[in-house]
Amino acid sequence: MRDLGLVAGSCGGLEVRFATELVKPAVARGWRPAITLTPTAMRWLEETGGLGDVAACTDLPVRSVSRLPGEPRPHPDPEVFLFAPASAGSVAKLALGIADNQAMTVLGDVLGAPGTTIVVAYQIQDTRVHHPAWQRHLDTLAGAGVTLHRLDIGRPWTEALDLLP
């Protein structure tokens, strides 16, 4: 099994689609998910009861907060990361280098690193593309070697897994 840094943000459908359309299919394809959630995504999964389904798919802890000094690192250092679903706010933070939570720190630490693959599958409102900074955020990430994919509510999220090496 290859390690996959699987990061998720708080987007509509997370509570029902993350486990069934990303985590479980990733495991079925031979990935070992090292899952990090934004704080809001963790809260959503805890409140809806979906966290148990996600945690059952990996032998690693599901993270949303940083470790304390002296604590061992709970995850390996994957060479491949999938950030899905990624919200518009998280895409902007990643492009701007804002690491204000563990999920953004994990990705920000490897963004642009040689030998590391990052796929960002984002879910946004149709009107977001008109925001003057949106395309610059996408261009910044693409310039750092990130593969970008827009999730569509009518299509399965598993298509993001097809973009992994």
C-alpha atoms as a PDB file:
ATOM      1  CA  MET A   1       0.000   0.000   0.000  1.00  0.00           C
ATOM      2  CA  ARG A   2       1.137   3.518  -0.795  1.00  0.00           C
ATOM      3  CA  ASP A   3       0.512   6.333   1.659  1.00  0.00           C
ATOM      4  CA  LEU A   4      -1.916   9.034   0.540  1.00  0.00           C
ATOM      5  CA  GLY A   5      -2.186  12.346   2.342  1.00  0.00           C
ATOM      6  CA  LEU A   6      -5.946  12.805   2.122  1.00  0.00           C
ATOM      7  CA  VAL A   7      -7.070  16.270   3.192  1.00  0.00           C
ATOM      8  CA  ALA A   8     -10.688  17.436   3.277  1.00  0.00           C
ATOM      9  CA  GLY A   9     -12.414  20.739   3.801  1.00  0.00           C
ATOM     10  CA  SER A  10     -15.979  21.616   4.687  1.00  0.00           C
ATOM     11  CA  CYS A  11     -18.004  21.462   1.499  1.00  0.00           C
ATOM     12  CA  GLY A  12     -21.548  20.364   0.847  1.00  0.00           C
ATOM     13  CA  GLY A  13     -21.802  16.591   0.705  1.00  0.00           C
ATOM     14  CA  LEU A  14     -18.748  15.960   2.881  1.00  0.00           C
ATOM     15  CA  GLU A  15     -20.771  14.093   5.486  1.00  0.00           C
ATOM     16  CA  VAL A  16     -22.138  11.561   2.982  1.00  0.00           C
ATOM     17  CA  ARG A  17     -19.655  11.540   0.108  1.00  0.00           C
ATOM     18  CA  PHE A  18     -16.192  11.719   1.697  1.00  0.00           C
ATOM     19  CA  ALA A  19     -16.150   8.179   3.100  1.00  0.00           C
ATOM     20  CA  THR A  20     -18.092   6.504   0.292  1.00  0.00           C
ATOM     21  CA  GLU A  21     -16.631   8.312  -2.725  1.00  0.00           C
ATOM     22  CA  LEU A  22     -13.067   9.089  -1.617  1.00  0.00           C
ATOM     23  CA  VAL A  23     -11.783   7.236   1.434  1.00  0.00           C
ATOM     24  CA  LYS A  24     -13.169   3.745   0.764  1.00  0.00           C
ATOM     25  CA  PRO A  25     -12.390   3.816  -2.976  1.00  0.00           C
ATOM     26  CA  ALA A  26      -8.854   5.062  -2.237  1.00  0.00           C
ATOM     27  CA  VAL A  27      -8.294   2.074   0.050  1.00  0.00           C
ATOM     28  CA  ALA A  28      -9.748  -0.248  -2.602  1.00  0.00           C
ATOM     29  CA  ARG A  29      -7.184   1.170  -5.070  1.00  0.00           C
ATOM     30  CA  GLY A  30      -4.325   0.322  -2.726  1.00  0.00           C
ATOM     31  CA  TRP A  31      -3.836   3.608  -0.892  1.00  0.00           C
ATOM     32  CA  ARG A  32      -3.322   3.919   2.867  1.00  0.00           C
ATOM     33  CA  PRO A  33      -5.035   7.215   3.773  1.00  0.00           C
ATOM     34  CA  ALA A  34      -3.390   9.603   6.203  1.00  0.00           C
ATOM     35  CA  ILE A  35      -6.444  11.820   6.745  1.00  0.00           C
ATOM     36  CA  THR A  36      -6.297  15.431   7.861  1.00  0.00           C
ATOM     37  CA  LEU A  37      -9.468  17.515   8.072  1.00  0.00           C
ATOM     38  CA  THR A  38      -9.992  21.225   8.426  1.00  0.00           C
ATOM     39  CA  PRO A  39     -11.476  22.011  11.853  1.00  0.00           C
ATOM     40  CA  THR A  40     -14.916  22.634  10.349  1.00  0.00           C
ATOM     41  CA  ALA A  41     -14.809  19.420   8.316  1.00  0.00           C
ATOM     42  CA  MET A  42     -13.938  17.504  11.506  1.00  0.00           C
ATOM     43  CA  ARG A  43     -16.836  19.131  13.316  1.00  0.00           C
ATOM     44  CA  TRP A  44     -19.240  18.283  10.489  1.00  0.00           C
ATOM     45  CA  LEU A  45     -18.189  14.640  10.443  1.00  0.00           C
ATOM     46  CA  GLU A  46     -18.348  14.378  14.230  1.00  0.00           C
ATOM     47  CA  GLU A  47     -21.829  15.946  14.368  1.00  0.00           C
ATOM     48  CA  THR A  48     -23.280  13.853  11.532  1.00  0.00           C
ATOM     49  CA  GLY A  49     -21.785  10.564  12.709  1.00  0.00           C
ATOM     50  CA  GLY A  50     -19.622  10.190   9.608  1.00  0.00           C
ATOM     51  CA  LEU A  51     -16.280  10.305  11.400  1.00  0.00           C
ATOM     52  CA  GLY A  52     -16.512   6.646  12.417  1.00  0.00           C
ATOM     53  CA  ASP A  53     -16.858   5.532   8.789  1.00  0.00           C
ATOM     54  CA  VAL A  54     -13.820   7.577   7.829  1.00  0.00           C
ATOM     55  CA  ALA A  55     -11.694   6.411  10.774  1.00  0.00           C
ATOM     56  CA  ALA A  56     -12.553   2.753  10.118  1.00  0.00           C
ATOM     57  CA  CYS A  57     -10.827   2.977   6.726  1.00  0.00           C
ATOM     58  CA  THR A  58      -7.340   3.679   8.049  1.00  0.00           C
ATOM     59  CA  ASP A  59      -4.976   2.476  10.736  1.00  0.00           C
ATOM     60  CA  LEU A  60      -3.816   6.066  11.281  1.00  0.00           C
ATOM     61  CA  PRO A  61      -5.527   8.704  13.419  1.00  0.00           C
ATOM     62  CA  VAL A  62      -7.797  11.180  11.659  1.00  0.00           C
ATOM     63  CA  ARG A  63      -6.314  14.592  12.400  1.00  0.00           C
ATOM     64  CA  SER A  64      -7.558  18.144  12.546  1.00  0.00           C
ATOM     65  CA  VAL A  65      -5.252  19.685  15.151  1.00  0.00           C
ATOM     66  CA  SER A  66      -1.492  19.863  15.431  1.00  0.00           C
ATOM     67  CA  ARG A  67       0.421  17.602  17.758  1.00  0.00           C
ATOM     68  CA  LEU A  68       1.909  18.895  20.975  1.00  0.00           C
ATOM     69  CA  PRO A  69       5.672  19.332  21.371  1.00  0.00           C
ATOM     70  CA  GLY A  70       7.291  15.983  22.066  1.00  0.00           C
ATOM     71  CA  GLU A  71       4.392  13.941  20.697  1.00  0.00           C
ATOM     72  CA  PRO A  72       5.310  11.502  17.930  1.00  0.00           C
ATOM     73  CA  ARG A  73       4.256  12.300  14.378  1.00  0.00           C
ATOM     74  CA  PRO A  74       0.952  10.499  13.794  1.00  0.00           C
ATOM     75  CA  HIS A  75       1.223  10.339  10.006  1.00  0.00           C
ATOM     76  CA  PRO A  76       3.940   9.276   7.566  1.00  0.00           C
ATOM     77  CA  ASP A  77       5.291  11.680   4.929  1.00  0.00           C
ATOM     78  CA  PRO A  78       3.316  10.749   1.798  1.00  0.00           C
ATOM     79  CA  GLU A  79       4.609  11.648  -1.637  1.00  0.00           C
ATOM     80  CA  VAL A  80       1.035  12.007  -2.920  1.00  0.00           C
ATOM     81  CA  PHE A  81      -1.692  14.274  -1.542  1.00  0.00           C
ATOM     82  CA  LEU A  82      -5.329  14.689  -2.486  1.00  0.00           C
ATOM     83  CA  PHE A  83      -7.201  17.688  -1.123  1.00  0.00           C
ATOM     84  CA  ALA A  84     -10.851  16.898  -1.713  1.00  0.00           C
ATOM     85  CA  PRO A  85     -13.250  18.435  -1.256  1.00  0.00           C
ATOM     86  CA  ALA A  86     -11.498  21.778  -1.083  1.00  0.00           C
ATOM     87  CA  SER A  87     -13.539  24.907  -0.451  1.00  0.00           C
ATOM     88  CA  ALA A  88     -12.871  28.245  -2.142  1.00  0.00           C
ATOM     89  CA  GLY A  89     -11.512  29.591   1.135  1.00  0.00           C
ATOM     90  CA  SER A  90      -9.084  26.700   1.529  1.00  0.00           C
ATOM     91  CA  VAL A  91      -7.901  27.010  -2.072  1.00  0.00           C
ATOM     92  CA  ALA A  92      -7.202  30.705  -1.444  1.00  0.00           C
ATOM     93  CA  LYS A  93      -5.362  29.946   1.814  1.00  0.00           C
ATOM     94  CA  LEU A  94      -3.200  27.314   0.140  1.00  0.00           C
ATOM     95  CA  ALA A  95      -2.336  29.632  -2.752  1.00  0.00           C
ATOM     96  CA  LEU A  96      -1.470  32.459  -0.354  1.00  0.00           C
ATOM     97  CA  GLY A  97       0.531  30.263   2.031  1.00  0.00           C
ATOM     98  CA  ILE A  98      -1.842  30.758   4.960  1.00  0.00           C
ATOM     99  CA  ALA A  99      -1.385  27.827   7.343  1.00  0.00           C
ATOM    100  CA  ASP A 100      -3.960  28.627  10.015  1.00  0.00           C
ATOM    101  CA  ASN A 101      -4.994  25.021  10.680  1.00  0.00           C
ATOM    102  CA  GLN A 102      -3.404  21.576  10.490  1.00  0.00           C
ATOM    103  CA  ALA A 103      -4.836  20.784   7.052  1.00  0.00           C
ATOM    104  CA  MET A 104      -3.372  23.944   5.526  1.00  0.00           C
ATOM    105  CA  THR A 105      -0.064  23.346   7.320  1.00  0.00           C
ATOM    106  CA  VAL A 106       0.247  19.800   5.969  1.00  0.00           C
ATOM    107  CA  LEU A 107      -0.328  20.964   2.392  1.00  0.00           C
ATOM    108  CA  GLY A 108       1.609  24.202   2.700  1.00  0.00           C
ATOM    109  CA  ASP A 109       4.665  22.316   3.927  1.00  0.00           C
ATOM    110  CA  VAL A 110       4.824  20.224   0.737  1.00  0.00           C
ATOM    111  CA  LEU A 111       3.475  22.630  -1.884  1.00  0.00           C
ATOM    112  CA  GLY A 112       6.059  22.873  -4.651  1.00  0.00           C
ATOM    113  CA  ALA A 113       8.364  20.280  -3.074  1.00  0.00           C
ATOM    114  CA  PRO A 114      10.206  18.143  -5.641  1.00  0.00           C
ATOM    115  CA  GLY A 115       8.862  14.601  -5.832  1.00  0.00           C
ATOM    116  CA  THR A 116       5.536  15.468  -4.194  1.00  0.00           C
ATOM    117  CA  THR A 117       2.243  15.242  -6.068  1.00  0.00           C
ATOM    118  CA  ILE A 118      -0.727  17.344  -4.983  1.00  0.00           C
ATOM    119  CA  VAL A 119      -4.188  17.128  -6.502  1.00  0.00           C
ATOM    120  CA  VAL A 120      -6.730  19.728  -5.373  1.00  0.00           C
ATOM    121  CA  ALA A 121     -10.330  18.860  -6.192  1.00  0.00           C
ATOM    122  CA  TYR A 122     -12.385  21.901  -5.264  1.00  0.00           C
ATOM    123  CA  GLN A 123     -16.090  22.513  -4.951  1.00  0.00           C
ATOM    124  CA  ILE A 124     -17.267  26.075  -5.502  1.00  0.00           C
ATOM    125  CA  GLN A 125     -20.359  28.065  -6.364  1.00  0.00           C
ATOM    126  CA  ASP A 126     -20.635  28.934 -10.061  1.00  0.00           C
ATOM    127  CA  THR A 127     -20.342  32.632  -9.219  1.00  0.00           C
ATOM    128  CA  ARG A 128     -16.903  32.147  -7.581  1.00  0.00           C
ATOM    129  CA  VAL A 129     -15.167  32.117 -10.973  1.00  0.00           C
ATOM    130  CA  HIS A 130     -16.009  35.820 -11.324  1.00  0.00           C
ATOM    131  CA  HIS A 131     -14.115  36.832  -8.194  1.00  0.00           C
ATOM    132  CA  PRO A 132     -11.053  38.826  -9.309  1.00  0.00           C
ATOM    133  CA  ALA A 133      -8.622  36.784  -7.188  1.00  0.00           C
ATOM    134  CA  TRP A 134      -9.973  33.315  -7.983  1.00  0.00           C
ATOM    135  CA  GLN A 135      -8.075  32.680 -11.216  1.00  0.00           C
ATOM    136  CA  ARG A 136      -4.853  34.004  -9.642  1.00  0.00           C
ATOM    137  CA  HIS A 137      -5.207  31.450  -6.857  1.00  0.00           C
ATOM    138  CA  LEU A 138      -5.641  28.655  -9.380  1.00  0.00           C
ATOM    139  CA  ASP A 139      -2.718  29.937 -11.455  1.00  0.00           C
ATOM    140  CA  THR A 140      -0.483  30.082  -8.367  1.00  0.00           C
ATOM    141  CA  LEU A 141      -1.269  26.488  -7.467  1.00  0.00           C
ATOM    142  CA  ALA A 142      -0.889  25.262 -11.046  1.00  0.00           C
ATOM    143  CA  GLY A 143       2.454  27.080 -11.223  1.00  0.00           C
ATOM    144  CA  ALA A 144       3.553  25.095  -8.160  1.00  0.00           C
ATOM    145  CA  GLY A 145       2.733  21.849  -9.968  1.00  0.00           C
ATOM    146  CA  VAL A 146      -0.682  21.203  -8.406  1.00  0.00           C
ATOM    147  CA  THR A 147      -3.230  19.322 -10.493  1.00  0.00           C
ATOM    148  CA  LEU A 148      -6.563  21.127 -10.215  1.00  0.00           C
ATOM    149  CA  HIS A 149     -10.008  19.642 -10.703  1.00  0.00           C
ATOM    150  CA  ARG A 150     -13.437  21.130 -10.118  1.00  0.00           C
ATOM    151  CA  LEU A 151     -15.855  18.755  -8.446  1.00  0.00           C
ATOM    152  CA  ASP A 152     -19.370  18.758  -9.835  1.00  0.00           C
ATOM    153  CA  ILE A 153     -22.277  17.944  -7.546  1.00  0.00           C
ATOM    154  CA  GLY A 154     -23.729  15.699 -10.253  1.00  0.00           C
ATOM    155  CA  ARG A 155     -20.592  13.592 -10.729  1.00  0.00           C
ATOM    156  CA  PRO A 156     -18.889  11.199  -8.302  1.00  0.00           C
ATOM    157  CA  TRP A 157     -15.985  12.497  -6.291  1.00  0.00           C
ATOM    158  CA  THR A 158     -14.082   9.318  -7.167  1.00  0.00           C
ATOM    159  CA  GLU A 159     -13.030  11.022 -10.392  1.00  0.00           C
ATOM    160  CA  ALA A 160     -10.492  12.949  -8.299  1.00  0.00           C
ATOM    161  CA  LEU A 161      -8.794   9.618  -7.493  1.00  0.00           C
ATOM    162  CA  ASP A 162      -8.255   9.076 -11.230  1.00  0.00           C
ATOM    163  CA  LEU A 163      -5.875  12.065 -11.194  1.00  0.00           C
ATOM    164  CA  LEU A 164      -3.467  10.410  -8.743  1.00  0.00           C
ATOM    165  CA  PRO A 165      -0.316   8.783 -10.105  1.00  0.00           C
END
